[in-house]
Each structure stands twice: as C-alpha cells, then as structure tokens.
Amino acid sequence: MKKLFFLLALVFYIHRVKAQDTMNQLSIEEQILALQTDVNDIKLNLNLSEKKFKRGIATATIGYTVTIAGGLMLGRKNDDLGKVLLVTGGVTGITGTILMVDAFKYLGRIGKPKVKR
C-alpha cells in the first residue's frame, strides 16, 4: 500500500512539473514576442526621428545661409533684397530648428513605460 501511494504521488508530481514547464514555455514565448514588438516600435520611431531630424537640419542650414547672404547685402546696392532675404532666411531657419526639436518626440516615445489599466 505504501509503495502504491508513493508511486501515485510520484506520478502526480511528475505530471505537475511537466504542466508547469509547459506554462513557463508559453510565458517565455509571449515575452519574446513582446520584446520583438518593442524592438520593432523602437526601430520605427528611430527611423521617423532620423528622417524628420535630417529634414530639419537641411531646412535650418538653408535658412541660416540665406540669412547670412541677406545680411551681407545690407548697406549696398541690393539693400531691399538683403532685408527680404534676412526675414525669409530667418523664418526658414526657425522652421528648420522647430523640425529638429520636433523630431525628438519620437525618441521620447521609446523609453516610456506602457501604462497598465
């Protein structure tokens, strides 16, 4: 009787361990899928940030170059053109700077933990 009880307890224990291993395996697979999703989100946000940042750099560079050219024209024959270039270049440069700053919003999305409700 003791041997039968011991065998029954052993079978029950082995079955329980196998069931628990199966549960752990599912949990690990779910964690891997969640990590892959997070990595894909990070790649997407970095790609969006890079494109917008490069566009901002190009716009700001053109704008501030036009501003410098307009400043060099002041006090000479093309004084009116210089004033127009100063204003136009300044607005374009500020727009480029805003685009660069705005590109960082995608980087901010990477590290924020998800709120569980």
C-alpha atoms as a PDB file:
ATOM      1  CA  MET A   1       0.000   0.000   0.000  1.00  0.00           C
ATOM      2  CA  LYS A   2       2.841   2.354   0.840  1.00  0.00           C
ATOM      3  CA  LYS A   3       4.509   1.587  -2.496  1.00  0.00           C
ATOM      4  CA  LEU A   4       1.284   2.265  -4.367  1.00  0.00           C
ATOM      5  CA  PHE A   5       0.802   5.557  -2.543  1.00  0.00           C
ATOM      6  CA  PHE A   6       4.433   6.515  -3.247  1.00  0.00           C
ATOM      7  CA  LEU A   7       4.040   5.641  -6.953  1.00  0.00           C
ATOM      8  CA  LEU A   8       0.812   7.627  -7.192  1.00  0.00           C
ATOM      9  CA  ALA A   9       2.419  10.652  -5.525  1.00  0.00           C
ATOM     10  CA  LEU A  10       5.440  10.364  -7.840  1.00  0.00           C
ATOM     11  CA  VAL A  11       3.246  10.231 -10.965  1.00  0.00           C
ATOM     12  CA  PHE A  12       1.223  13.211  -9.753  1.00  0.00           C
ATOM     13  CA  TYR A  13       4.420  15.195  -9.047  1.00  0.00           C
ATOM     14  CA  ILE A  14       5.916  14.418 -12.487  1.00  0.00           C
ATOM     15  CA  HIS A  15       2.671  15.410 -14.201  1.00  0.00           C
ATOM     16  CA  ARG A  16       2.613  18.690 -12.246  1.00  0.00           C
ATOM     17  CA  VAL A  17       6.229  19.513 -13.151  1.00  0.00           C
ATOM     18  CA  LYS A  18       5.586  18.852 -16.859  1.00  0.00           C
ATOM     19  CA  ALA A  19       2.481  21.056 -16.803  1.00  0.00           C
ATOM     20  CA  GLN A  20       4.425  23.825 -15.107  1.00  0.00           C
ATOM     21  CA  ASP A  21       7.225  23.568 -17.713  1.00  0.00           C
ATOM     22  CA  THR A  22       4.632  23.918 -20.466  1.00  0.00           C
ATOM     23  CA  MET A  23       3.239  27.042 -18.771  1.00  0.00           C
ATOM     24  CA  ASN A  24       6.762  28.509 -18.433  1.00  0.00           C
ATOM     25  CA  GLN A  25       7.441  27.752 -22.105  1.00  0.00           C
ATOM     26  CA  LEU A  26       4.318  29.675 -23.157  1.00  0.00           C
ATOM     27  CA  SER A  27       5.288  32.544 -20.923  1.00  0.00           C
ATOM     28  CA  ILE A  28       8.781  32.717 -22.442  1.00  0.00           C
ATOM     29  CA  GLU A  29       7.334  32.701 -25.972  1.00  0.00           C
ATOM     30  CA  GLU A  30       4.954  35.529 -25.040  1.00  0.00           C
ATOM     31  CA  GLN A  31       7.845  37.514 -23.578  1.00  0.00           C
ATOM     32  CA  ILE A  32       9.913  37.018 -26.736  1.00  0.00           C
ATOM     33  CA  LEU A  33       7.010  38.201 -28.898  1.00  0.00           C
ATOM     34  CA  ALA A  34       6.547  41.248 -26.659  1.00  0.00           C
ATOM     35  CA  LEU A  35      10.260  42.059 -26.925  1.00  0.00           C
ATOM     36  CA  GLN A  36      10.146  41.718 -30.705  1.00  0.00           C
ATOM     37  CA  THR A  37       7.208  44.119 -30.820  1.00  0.00           C
ATOM     38  CA  ASP A  38       9.085  46.605 -28.632  1.00  0.00           C
ATOM     39  CA  VAL A  39      12.187  46.387 -30.831  1.00  0.00           C
ATOM     40  CA  ASN A  40      10.084  46.958 -33.957  1.00  0.00           C
ATOM     41  CA  ASP A  41       8.464  50.009 -32.327  1.00  0.00           C
ATOM     42  CA  ILE A  42      11.906  51.381 -31.407  1.00  0.00           C
ATOM     43  CA  LYS A  43      13.162  50.897 -34.958  1.00  0.00           C
ATOM     44  CA  LEU A  44      10.097  52.634 -36.379  1.00  0.00           C
ATOM     45  CA  ASN A  45      10.422  55.606 -34.011  1.00  0.00           C
ATOM     46  CA  LEU A  46      14.149  55.943 -34.702  1.00  0.00           C
ATOM     47  CA  ASN A  47      13.520  55.875 -38.440  1.00  0.00           C
ATOM     48  CA  LEU A  48      10.830  58.561 -38.173  1.00  0.00           C
ATOM     49  CA  SER A  49      13.056  60.658 -35.925  1.00  0.00           C
ATOM     50  CA  GLU A  50      16.032  60.367 -38.275  1.00  0.00           C
ATOM     51  CA  LYS A  51      14.031  61.461 -41.326  1.00  0.00           C
ATOM     52  CA  LYS A  52      12.478  64.433 -39.580  1.00  0.00           C
ATOM     53  CA  PHE A  53      15.776  65.466 -37.975  1.00  0.00           C
ATOM     54  CA  LYS A  54      17.637  65.369 -41.298  1.00  0.00           C
ATOM     55  CA  ARG A  55      14.866  67.396 -42.951  1.00  0.00           C
ATOM     56  CA  GLY A  56      15.123  69.922 -40.108  1.00  0.00           C
ATOM     57  CA  ILE A  57      18.910  70.183 -40.445  1.00  0.00           C
ATOM     58  CA  ALA A  58      18.647  70.798 -44.194  1.00  0.00           C
ATOM     59  CA  THR A  59      15.906  73.402 -43.771  1.00  0.00           C
ATOM     60  CA  ALA A  60      17.718  75.232 -40.967  1.00  0.00           C
ATOM     61  CA  THR A  61      21.012  75.223 -42.886  1.00  0.00           C
ATOM     62  CA  ILE A  62      19.383  76.704 -45.986  1.00  0.00           C
ATOM     63  CA  GLY A  63      17.502  79.265 -43.895  1.00  0.00           C
ATOM     64  CA  TYR A  64      20.519  80.486 -41.960  1.00  0.00           C
ATOM     65  CA  THR A  65      22.637  80.570 -45.124  1.00  0.00           C
ATOM     66  CA  VAL A  66      20.031  82.799 -46.766  1.00  0.00           C
ATOM     67  CA  THR A  67      20.022  84.970 -43.630  1.00  0.00           C
ATOM     68  CA  ILE A  68      23.790  85.404 -43.819  1.00  0.00           C
ATOM     69  CA  ALA A  69      23.583  86.254 -47.524  1.00  0.00           C
ATOM     70  CA  GLY A  70      20.896  88.833 -46.785  1.00  0.00           C
ATOM     71  CA  GLY A  71      22.993  90.348 -44.027  1.00  0.00           C
ATOM     72  CA  LEU A  72      25.929  90.694 -46.376  1.00  0.00           C
ATOM     73  CA  MET A  73      23.739  92.566 -48.876  1.00  0.00           C
ATOM     74  CA  LEU A  74      22.624  95.202 -46.380  1.00  0.00           C
ATOM     75  CA  GLY A  75      24.045  98.687 -46.925  1.00  0.00           C
ATOM     76  CA  ARG A  76      24.881  98.064 -50.552  1.00  0.00           C
ATOM     77  CA  LYS A  77      23.085  98.315 -53.896  1.00  0.00           C
ATOM     78  CA  ASN A  78      20.652  95.494 -53.059  1.00  0.00           C
ATOM     79  CA  ASP A  79      19.611  96.746 -49.640  1.00  0.00           C
ATOM     80  CA  ASP A  80      15.918  95.908 -50.162  1.00  0.00           C
ATOM     81  CA  LEU A  81      16.763  92.378 -51.352  1.00  0.00           C
ATOM     82  CA  GLY A  82      19.009  91.946 -48.318  1.00  0.00           C
ATOM     83  CA  LYS A  83      16.141  92.818 -45.966  1.00  0.00           C
ATOM     84  CA  VAL A  84      13.826  90.355 -47.707  1.00  0.00           C
ATOM     85  CA  LEU A  85      16.491  87.638 -47.532  1.00  0.00           C
ATOM     86  CA  LEU A  86      17.072  88.338 -43.832  1.00  0.00           C
ATOM     87  CA  VAL A  87      13.403  87.853 -42.994  1.00  0.00           C
ATOM     88  CA  THR A  88      12.897  84.899 -45.330  1.00  0.00           C
ATOM     89  CA  GLY A  89      16.063  83.155 -44.182  1.00  0.00           C
ATOM     90  CA  GLY A  90      15.240  83.771 -40.538  1.00  0.00           C
ATOM     91  CA  VAL A  91      11.770  82.267 -40.872  1.00  0.00           C
ATOM     92  CA  THR A  92      13.128  79.310 -42.819  1.00  0.00           C
ATOM     93  CA  GLY A  93      15.901  78.740 -40.257  1.00  0.00           C
ATOM     94  CA  ILE A  94      13.480  78.863 -37.345  1.00  0.00           C
ATOM     95  CA  THR A  95      11.194  76.424 -39.155  1.00  0.00           C
ATOM     96  CA  GLY A  96      14.132  74.028 -39.602  1.00  0.00           C
ATOM     97  CA  THR A  97      15.016  74.343 -35.926  1.00  0.00           C
ATOM     98  CA  ILE A  98      11.423  73.562 -34.951  1.00  0.00           C
ATOM     99  CA  LEU A  99      11.517  70.474 -37.186  1.00  0.00           C
ATOM    100  CA  MET A 100      14.703  69.294 -35.467  1.00  0.00           C
ATOM    101  CA  VAL A 101      13.239  69.800 -31.996  1.00  0.00           C
ATOM    102  CA  ASP A 102      10.012  68.107 -33.062  1.00  0.00           C
ATOM    103  CA  ALA A 103      11.994  65.059 -34.218  1.00  0.00           C
ATOM    104  CA  PHE A 104      12.852  64.300 -30.601  1.00  0.00           C
ATOM    105  CA  LYS A 105       9.239  63.462 -29.767  1.00  0.00           C
ATOM    106  CA  TYR A 106       9.756  60.117 -31.495  1.00  0.00           C
ATOM    107  CA  LEU A 107      12.770  59.412 -29.319  1.00  0.00           C
ATOM    108  CA  GLY A 108      10.744  60.227 -26.223  1.00  0.00           C
ATOM    109  CA  ARG A 109       8.252  57.519 -27.135  1.00  0.00           C
ATOM    110  CA  ILE A 110      10.925  54.833 -26.945  1.00  0.00           C
ATOM    111  CA  GLY A 111      11.609  54.831 -23.221  1.00  0.00           C
ATOM    112  CA  LYS A 112       8.166  55.493 -21.812  1.00  0.00           C
ATOM    113  CA  PRO A 113       6.725  52.503 -19.996  1.00  0.00           C
ATOM    114  CA  LYS A 114       3.270  51.439 -21.048  1.00  0.00           C
ATOM    115  CA  VAL A 115       0.551  52.339 -18.606  1.00  0.00           C
ATOM    116  CA  LYS A 116      -1.403  49.311 -17.440  1.00  0.00           C
ATOM    117  CA  ARG A 117      -5.021  49.971 -16.583  1.00  0.00           C
END
